[in-house]
Amino acid sequence: MICCKECIDLLYDYLEGTLDTETTDSLEEHFQDCPPCISFLKTYQKTTNICRESLAKIEIPEVVQRKLKEFLHKNIQKA
């Protein structure tokens, strides 16, 4: 079973659909039993959607987008 810390560390990859099936299933099982993590997931999804919508409205150079994604991914793993 995945703990809350591991759950948070895996959120980015979970939402991007890049996790293996076993890890995805473990995360989803954790979400069923952990209201704080499901709440965090929903907030994270909303935040991500707002960012994507905002980015779609302006033109950001590809290199800046890549570096921003790398930064966010790296710092989410530290949380």
PDB file of N, CA and C in Angstrom:
ATOM      1  N   MET A   1       0.850  -1.193   0.000  1.00  0.00           N
ATOM      2  CA  MET A   1       0.000   0.000   0.000  1.00  0.00           C
ATOM      3  C   MET A   1       0.884   1.241   0.000  1.00  0.00           C
ATOM      4  N   ILE A   2       0.511   2.207  -0.768  1.00  0.00           N
ATOM      5  CA  ILE A   2       1.253   3.457  -0.889  1.00  0.00           C
ATOM      6  C   ILE A   2       0.871   4.385   0.262  1.00  0.00           C
ATOM      7  N   CYS A   3       1.875   5.054   0.836  1.00  0.00           N
ATOM      8  CA  CYS A   3       1.604   6.026   1.899  1.00  0.00           C
ATOM      9  C   CYS A   3       1.342   7.405   1.277  1.00  0.00           C
ATOM     10  N   CYS A   4       0.901   8.336   2.092  1.00  0.00           N
ATOM     11  CA  CYS A   4       0.548   9.677   1.607  1.00  0.00           C
ATOM     12  C   CYS A   4       1.735  10.365   0.933  1.00  0.00           C
ATOM     13  N   LYS A   5       2.916  10.275   1.511  1.00  0.00           N
ATOM     14  CA  LYS A   5       4.107  10.915   0.940  1.00  0.00           C
ATOM     15  C   LYS A   5       4.378  10.373  -0.460  1.00  0.00           C
ATOM     16  N   GLU A   6       4.322   9.059  -0.614  1.00  0.00           N
ATOM     17  CA  GLU A   6       4.537   8.454  -1.929  1.00  0.00           C
ATOM     18  C   GLU A   6       3.452   8.887  -2.909  1.00  0.00           C
ATOM     19  N   CYS A   7       2.248   8.988  -2.421  1.00  0.00           N
ATOM     20  CA  CYS A   7       1.119   9.413  -3.244  1.00  0.00           C
ATOM     21  C   CYS A   7       1.385  10.799  -3.835  1.00  0.00           C
ATOM     22  N   ILE A   8       1.800  11.711  -2.990  1.00  0.00           N
ATOM     23  CA  ILE A   8       2.085  13.080  -3.434  1.00  0.00           C
ATOM     24  C   ILE A   8       3.234  13.084  -4.439  1.00  0.00           C
ATOM     25  N   ASP A   9       4.256  12.273  -4.170  1.00  0.00           N
ATOM     26  CA  ASP A   9       5.413  12.201  -5.068  1.00  0.00           C
ATOM     27  C   ASP A   9       5.031  11.707  -6.465  1.00  0.00           C
ATOM     28  N   LEU A  10       3.998  10.894  -6.550  1.00  0.00           N
ATOM     29  CA  LEU A  10       3.610  10.270  -7.818  1.00  0.00           C
ATOM     30  C   LEU A  10       2.494  11.002  -8.564  1.00  0.00           C
ATOM     31  N   LEU A  11       1.951  12.054  -7.986  1.00  0.00           N
ATOM     32  CA  LEU A  11       0.788  12.723  -8.588  1.00  0.00           C
ATOM     33  C   LEU A  11       1.032  13.214 -10.011  1.00  0.00           C
ATOM     34  N   TYR A  12       2.163  13.842 -10.233  1.00  0.00           N
ATOM     35  CA  TYR A  12       2.443  14.377 -11.569  1.00  0.00           C
ATOM     36  C   TYR A  12       2.394  13.258 -12.608  1.00  0.00           C
ATOM     37  N   ASP A  13       3.124  12.180 -12.330  1.00  0.00           N
ATOM     38  CA  ASP A  13       3.160  11.058 -13.270  1.00  0.00           C
ATOM     39  C   ASP A  13       1.794  10.386 -13.395  1.00  0.00           C
ATOM     40  N   TYR A  14       1.050  10.344 -12.313  1.00  0.00           N
ATOM     41  CA  TYR A  14      -0.297   9.768 -12.339  1.00  0.00           C
ATOM     42  C   TYR A  14      -1.194  10.568 -13.290  1.00  0.00           C
ATOM     43  N   LEU A  15      -1.187  11.870 -13.143  1.00  0.00           N
ATOM     44  CA  LEU A  15      -2.044  12.710 -13.984  1.00  0.00           C
ATOM     45  C   LEU A  15      -1.589  12.735 -15.436  1.00  0.00           C
ATOM     46  N   GLU A  16      -0.297  12.533 -15.659  1.00  0.00           N
ATOM     47  CA  GLU A  16       0.220  12.486 -17.028  1.00  0.00           C
ATOM     48  C   GLU A  16       0.009  11.107 -17.660  1.00  0.00           C
ATOM     49  N   GLY A  17      -0.388  10.126 -16.842  1.00  0.00           N
ATOM     50  CA  GLY A  17      -0.634   8.780 -17.354  1.00  0.00           C
ATOM     51  C   GLY A  17       0.623   7.994 -17.655  1.00  0.00           C
ATOM     52  N   THR A  18       1.721   8.322 -16.968  1.00  0.00           N
ATOM     53  CA  THR A  18       2.996   7.670 -17.261  1.00  0.00           C
ATOM     54  C   THR A  18       3.386   6.590 -16.251  1.00  0.00           C
ATOM     55  N   LEU A  19       2.518   6.309 -15.298  1.00  0.00           N
ATOM     56  CA  LEU A  19       2.816   5.271 -14.311  1.00  0.00           C
ATOM     57  C   LEU A  19       2.431   3.897 -14.850  1.00  0.00           C
ATOM     58  N   ASP A  20       3.111   2.874 -14.341  1.00  0.00           N
ATOM     59  CA  ASP A  20       2.731   1.515 -14.716  1.00  0.00           C
ATOM     60  C   ASP A  20       1.388   1.169 -14.060  1.00  0.00           C
ATOM     61  N   THR A  21       0.770   0.130 -14.546  1.00  0.00           N
ATOM     62  CA  THR A  21      -0.567  -0.258 -14.088  1.00  0.00           C
ATOM     63  C   THR A  21      -0.598  -0.572 -12.598  1.00  0.00           C
ATOM     64  N   GLU A  22       0.406  -1.270 -12.112  1.00  0.00           N
ATOM     65  CA  GLU A  22       0.435  -1.652 -10.695  1.00  0.00           C
ATOM     66  C   GLU A  22       0.487  -0.422  -9.788  1.00  0.00           C
ATOM     67  N   THR A  23       1.330   0.544 -10.134  1.00  0.00           N
ATOM     68  CA  THR A  23       1.446   1.760  -9.331  1.00  0.00           C
ATOM     69  C   THR A  23       0.161   2.577  -9.410  1.00  0.00           C
ATOM     70  N   THR A  24      -0.409   2.674 -10.597  1.00  0.00           N
ATOM     71  CA  THR A  24      -1.674   3.394 -10.768  1.00  0.00           C
ATOM     72  C   THR A  24      -2.770   2.764  -9.913  1.00  0.00           C
ATOM     73  N   ASP A  25      -2.856   1.450  -9.934  1.00  0.00           N
ATOM     74  CA  ASP A  25      -3.861   0.754  -9.125  1.00  0.00           C
ATOM     75  C   ASP A  25      -3.640   1.001  -7.638  1.00  0.00           C
ATOM     76  N   SER A  26      -2.375   0.986  -7.200  1.00  0.00           N
ATOM     77  CA  SER A  26      -2.061   1.238  -5.787  1.00  0.00           C
ATOM     78  C   SER A  26      -2.449   2.656  -5.382  1.00  0.00           C
ATOM     79  N   LEU A  27      -2.177   3.610  -6.261  1.00  0.00           N
ATOM     80  CA  LEU A  27      -2.559   5.000  -5.981  1.00  0.00           C
ATOM     81  C   LEU A  27      -4.074   5.136  -5.867  1.00  0.00           C
ATOM     82  N   GLU A  28      -4.777   4.564  -6.805  1.00  0.00           N
ATOM     83  CA  GLU A  28      -6.235   4.670  -6.792  1.00  0.00           C
ATOM     84  C   GLU A  28      -6.831   3.979  -5.568  1.00  0.00           C
ATOM     85  N   GLU A  29      -6.218   2.902  -5.136  1.00  0.00           N
ATOM     86  CA  GLU A  29      -6.653   2.239  -3.904  1.00  0.00           C
ATOM     87  C   GLU A  29      -6.421   3.163  -2.705  1.00  0.00           C
ATOM     88  N   HIS A  30      -5.270   3.827  -2.693  1.00  0.00           N
ATOM     89  CA  HIS A  30      -4.966   4.771  -1.613  1.00  0.00           C
ATOM     90  C   HIS A  30      -5.986   5.914  -1.598  1.00  0.00           C
ATOM     91  N   PHE A  31      -6.311   6.447  -2.770  1.00  0.00           N
ATOM     92  CA  PHE A  31      -7.276   7.542  -2.848  1.00  0.00           C
ATOM     93  C   PHE A  31      -8.633   7.145  -2.255  1.00  0.00           C
ATOM     94  N   GLN A  32      -9.033   5.901  -2.436  1.00  0.00           N
ATOM     95  CA  GLN A  32     -10.323   5.438  -1.911  1.00  0.00           C
ATOM     96  C   GLN A  32     -10.361   5.463  -0.389  1.00  0.00           C
ATOM     97  N   ASP A  33      -9.191   5.286   0.235  1.00  0.00           N
ATOM     98  CA  ASP A  33      -9.122   5.187   1.698  1.00  0.00           C
ATOM     99  C   ASP A  33      -8.562   6.429   2.381  1.00  0.00           C
ATOM    100  N   CYS A  34      -8.246   7.475   1.615  1.00  0.00           N
ATOM    101  CA  CYS A  34      -7.566   8.629   2.211  1.00  0.00           C
ATOM    102  C   CYS A  34      -8.197   9.946   1.735  1.00  0.00           C
ATOM    103  N   PRO A  35      -9.176  10.459   2.464  1.00  0.00           N
ATOM    104  CA  PRO A  35      -9.813  11.722   2.079  1.00  0.00           C
ATOM    105  C   PRO A  35      -8.838  12.894   1.912  1.00  0.00           C
ATOM    106  N   PRO A  36      -7.799  13.044   2.759  1.00  0.00           N
ATOM    107  CA  PRO A  36      -6.875  14.163   2.542  1.00  0.00           C
ATOM    108  C   PRO A  36      -6.144  14.074   1.195  1.00  0.00           C
ATOM    109  N   CYS A  37      -5.753  12.866   0.793  1.00  0.00           N
ATOM    110  CA  CYS A  37      -5.044  12.731  -0.485  1.00  0.00           C
ATOM    111  C   CYS A  37      -5.970  12.945  -1.674  1.00  0.00           C
ATOM    112  N   ILE A  38      -7.205  12.488  -1.587  1.00  0.00           N
ATOM    113  CA  ILE A  38      -8.139  12.715  -2.687  1.00  0.00           C
ATOM    114  C   ILE A  38      -8.466  14.204  -2.791  1.00  0.00           C
ATOM    115  N   SER A  39      -8.539  14.880  -1.664  1.00  0.00           N
ATOM    116  CA  SER A  39      -8.761  16.324  -1.668  1.00  0.00           C
ATOM    117  C   SER A  39      -7.571  17.039  -2.311  1.00  0.00           C
ATOM    118  N   PHE A  40      -6.362  16.613  -1.951  1.00  0.00           N
ATOM    119  CA  PHE A  40      -5.160  17.199  -2.542  1.00  0.00           C
ATOM    120  C   PHE A  40      -5.130  16.934  -4.043  1.00  0.00           C
ATOM    121  N   LEU A  41      -5.478  15.721  -4.456  1.00  0.00           N
ATOM    122  CA  LEU A  41      -5.515  15.377  -5.874  1.00  0.00           C
ATOM    123  C   LEU A  41      -6.472  16.296  -6.628  1.00  0.00           C
ATOM    124  N   LYS A  42      -7.658  16.501  -6.102  1.00  0.00           N
ATOM    125  CA  LYS A  42      -8.645  17.360  -6.771  1.00  0.00           C
ATOM    126  C   LYS A  42      -8.146  18.799  -6.881  1.00  0.00           C
ATOM    127  N   THR A  43      -7.529  19.293  -5.819  1.00  0.00           N
ATOM    128  CA  THR A  43      -6.972  20.647  -5.841  1.00  0.00           C
ATOM    129  C   THR A  43      -5.839  20.740  -6.854  1.00  0.00           C
ATOM    130  N   TYR A  44      -4.995  19.733  -6.864  1.00  0.00           N
ATOM    131  CA  TYR A  44      -3.869  19.691  -7.802  1.00  0.00           C
ATOM    132  C   TYR A  44      -4.382  19.655  -9.242  1.00  0.00           C
ATOM    133  N   GLN A  45      -5.409  18.848  -9.502  1.00  0.00           N
ATOM    134  CA  GLN A  45      -5.993  18.779 -10.843  1.00  0.00           C
ATOM    135  C   GLN A  45      -6.562  20.131 -11.270  1.00  0.00           C
ATOM    136  N   LYS A  46      -7.280  20.792 -10.374  1.00  0.00           N
ATOM    137  CA  LYS A  46      -7.850  22.105 -10.694  1.00  0.00           C
ATOM    138  C   LYS A  46      -6.750  23.115 -10.987  1.00  0.00           C
ATOM    139  N   THR A  47      -5.708  23.104 -10.161  1.00  0.00           N
ATOM    140  CA  THR A  47      -4.586  24.022 -10.357  1.00  0.00           C
ATOM    141  C   THR A  47      -3.908  23.760 -11.693  1.00  0.00           C
ATOM    142  N   THR A  48      -3.687  22.497 -11.997  1.00  0.00           N
ATOM    143  CA  THR A  48      -3.063  22.117 -13.264  1.00  0.00           C
ATOM    144  C   THR A  48      -3.920  22.568 -14.442  1.00  0.00           C
ATOM    145  N   ASN A  49      -5.224  22.363 -14.343  1.00  0.00           N
ATOM    146  CA  ASN A  49      -6.127  22.774 -15.424  1.00  0.00           C
ATOM    147  C   ASN A  49      -6.118  24.286 -15.621  1.00  0.00           C
ATOM    148  N   ILE A  50      -6.114  25.032 -14.535  1.00  0.00           N
ATOM    149  CA  ILE A  50      -6.060  26.494 -14.629  1.00  0.00           C
ATOM    150  C   ILE A  50      -4.768  26.925 -15.311  1.00  0.00           C
ATOM    151  N   CYS A  51      -3.661  26.311 -14.936  1.00  0.00           N
ATOM    152  CA  CYS A  51      -2.367  26.643 -15.550  1.00  0.00           C
ATOM    153  C   CYS A  51      -2.374  26.319 -17.039  1.00  0.00           C
ATOM    154  N   ARG A  52      -2.899  25.155 -17.400  1.00  0.00           N
ATOM    155  CA  ARG A  52      -2.942  24.771 -18.818  1.00  0.00           C
ATOM    156  C   ARG A  52      -3.821  25.727 -19.617  1.00  0.00           C
ATOM    157  N   GLU A  53      -4.960  26.105 -19.053  1.00  0.00           N
ATOM    158  CA  GLU A  53      -5.844  27.050 -19.735  1.00  0.00           C
ATOM    159  C   GLU A  53      -5.157  28.398 -19.917  1.00  0.00           C
ATOM    160  N   SER A  54      -4.450  28.844 -18.897  1.00  0.00           N
ATOM    161  CA  SER A  54      -3.738  30.122 -18.974  1.00  0.00           C
ATOM    162  C   SER A  54      -2.622  30.059 -19.999  1.00  0.00           C
ATOM    163  N   LEU A  55      -1.892  28.944 -20.003  1.00  0.00           N
ATOM    164  CA  LEU A  55      -0.795  28.788 -20.957  1.00  0.00           C
ATOM    165  C   LEU A  55      -1.300  28.728 -22.388  1.00  0.00           C
ATOM    166  N   ALA A  56      -2.500  28.206 -22.577  1.00  0.00           N
ATOM    167  CA  ALA A  56      -3.058  28.107 -23.921  1.00  0.00           C
ATOM    168  C   ALA A  56      -3.381  29.485 -24.493  1.00  0.00           C
ATOM    169  N   LYS A  57      -3.577  30.456 -23.620  1.00  0.00           N
ATOM    170  CA  LYS A  57      -3.949  31.795 -24.061  1.00  0.00           C
ATOM    171  C   LYS A  57      -2.750  32.655 -24.441  1.00  0.00           C
ATOM    172  N   ILE A  58      -1.575  32.271 -23.973  1.00  0.00           N
ATOM    173  CA  ILE A  58      -0.377  33.038 -24.303  1.00  0.00           C
ATOM    174  C   ILE A  58       0.653  32.115 -24.932  1.00  0.00           C
ATOM    175  N   GLU A  59       1.556  32.705 -25.671  1.00  0.00           N
ATOM    176  CA  GLU A  59       2.571  31.912 -26.340  1.00  0.00           C
ATOM    177  C   GLU A  59       3.863  31.953 -25.530  1.00  0.00           C
ATOM    178  N   ILE A  60       4.228  30.810 -24.979  1.00  0.00           N
ATOM    179  CA  ILE A  60       5.446  30.691 -24.185  1.00  0.00           C
ATOM    180  C   ILE A  60       6.422  29.829 -24.979  1.00  0.00           C
ATOM    181  N   PRO A  61       7.662  30.280 -25.102  1.00  0.00           N
ATOM    182  CA  PRO A  61       8.643  29.488 -25.849  1.00  0.00           C
ATOM    183  C   PRO A  61       8.757  28.060 -25.296  1.00  0.00           C
ATOM    184  N   GLU A  62       8.954  27.109 -26.192  1.00  0.00           N
ATOM    185  CA  GLU A  62       9.035  25.689 -25.826  1.00  0.00           C
ATOM    186  C   GLU A  62      10.083  25.436 -24.750  1.00  0.00           C
ATOM    187  N   VAL A  63      11.227  26.084 -24.836  1.00  0.00           N
ATOM    188  CA  VAL A  63      12.291  25.867 -23.853  1.00  0.00           C
ATOM    189  C   VAL A  63      11.849  26.308 -22.458  1.00  0.00           C
ATOM    190  N   VAL A  64      11.086  27.386 -22.375  1.00  0.00           N
ATOM    191  CA  VAL A  64      10.582  27.867 -21.084  1.00  0.00           C
ATOM    192  C   VAL A  64       9.538  26.888 -20.542  1.00  0.00           C
ATOM    193  N   GLN A  65       8.666  26.386 -21.402  1.00  0.00           N
ATOM    194  CA  GLN A  65       7.669  25.403 -20.975  1.00  0.00           C
ATOM    195  C   GLN A  65       8.344  24.153 -20.421  1.00  0.00           C
ATOM    196  N   ARG A  66       9.366  23.674 -21.131  1.00  0.00           N
ATOM    197  CA  ARG A  66      10.075  22.468 -20.708  1.00  0.00           C
ATOM    198  C   ARG A  66      10.742  22.678 -19.361  1.00  0.00           C
ATOM    199  N   LYS A  67      11.415  23.818 -19.195  1.00  0.00           N
ATOM    200  CA  LYS A  67      12.100  24.097 -17.930  1.00  0.00           C
ATOM    201  C   LYS A  67      11.106  24.252 -16.782  1.00  0.00           C
ATOM    202  N   LEU A  68       9.963  24.858 -17.044  1.00  0.00           N
ATOM    203  CA  LEU A  68       8.936  25.003 -16.017  1.00  0.00           C
ATOM    204  C   LEU A  68       8.399  23.640 -15.592  1.00  0.00           C
ATOM    205  N   LYS A  69       8.124  22.767 -16.562  1.00  0.00           N
ATOM    206  CA  LYS A  69       7.648  21.421 -16.243  1.00  0.00           C
ATOM    207  C   LYS A  69       8.689  20.656 -15.431  1.00  0.00           C
ATOM    208  N   GLU A  70       9.963  20.763 -15.821  1.00  0.00           N
ATOM    209  CA  GLU A  70      11.035  20.089 -15.086  1.00  0.00           C
ATOM    210  C   GLU A  70      11.116  20.617 -13.656  1.00  0.00           C
ATOM    211  N   PHE A  71      11.013  21.934 -13.503  1.00  0.00           N
ATOM    212  CA  PHE A  71      11.068  22.547 -12.175  1.00  0.00           C
ATOM    213  C   PHE A  71       9.916  22.061 -11.302  1.00  0.00           C
ATOM    214  N   LEU A  72       8.711  22.088 -11.845  1.00  0.00           N
ATOM    215  CA  LEU A  72       7.542  21.651 -11.081  1.00  0.00           C
ATOM    216  C   LEU A  72       7.642  20.177 -10.716  1.00  0.00           C
ATOM    217  N   HIS A  73       8.041  19.366 -11.668  1.00  0.00           N
ATOM    218  CA  HIS A  73       8.164  17.934 -11.413  1.00  0.00           C
ATOM    219  C   HIS A  73       9.202  17.669 -10.320  1.00  0.00           C
ATOM    220  N   LYS A  74      10.326  18.339 -10.389  1.00  0.00           N
ATOM    221  CA  LYS A  74      11.395  18.168  -9.398  1.00  0.00           C
ATOM    222  C   LYS A  74      10.921  18.595  -8.008  1.00  0.00           C
ATOM    223  N   ASN A  75      10.236  19.723  -7.926  1.00  0.00           N
ATOM    224  CA  ASN A  75       9.814  20.247  -6.629  1.00  0.00           C
ATOM    225  C   ASN A  75       8.608  19.517  -6.056  1.00  0.00           C
ATOM    226  N   ILE A  76       7.788  18.941  -6.886  1.00  0.00           N
ATOM    227  CA  ILE A  76       6.683  18.125  -6.388  1.00  0.00           C
ATOM    228  C   ILE A  76       7.243  16.879  -5.723  1.00  0.00           C
ATOM    229  N   GLN A  77       8.303  16.330  -6.283  1.00  0.00           N
ATOM    230  CA  GLN A  77       8.911  15.134  -5.705  1.00  0.00           C
ATOM    231  C   GLN A  77       9.527  15.422  -4.344  1.00  0.00           C
ATOM    232  N   LYS A  78       9.955  16.651  -4.103  1.00  0.00           N
ATOM    233  CA  LYS A  78      10.555  17.021  -2.819  1.00  0.00           C
ATOM    234  C   LYS A  78       9.511  17.198  -1.731  1.00  0.00           C
ATOM    235  N   ALA A  79       8.269  17.480  -2.118  1.00  0.00           N
ATOM    236  CA  ALA A  79       7.199  17.783  -1.145  1.00  0.00           C
ATOM    237  C   ALA A  79       6.881  16.612  -0.254  1.00  0.00           C
TER     238      ALA A  79
END
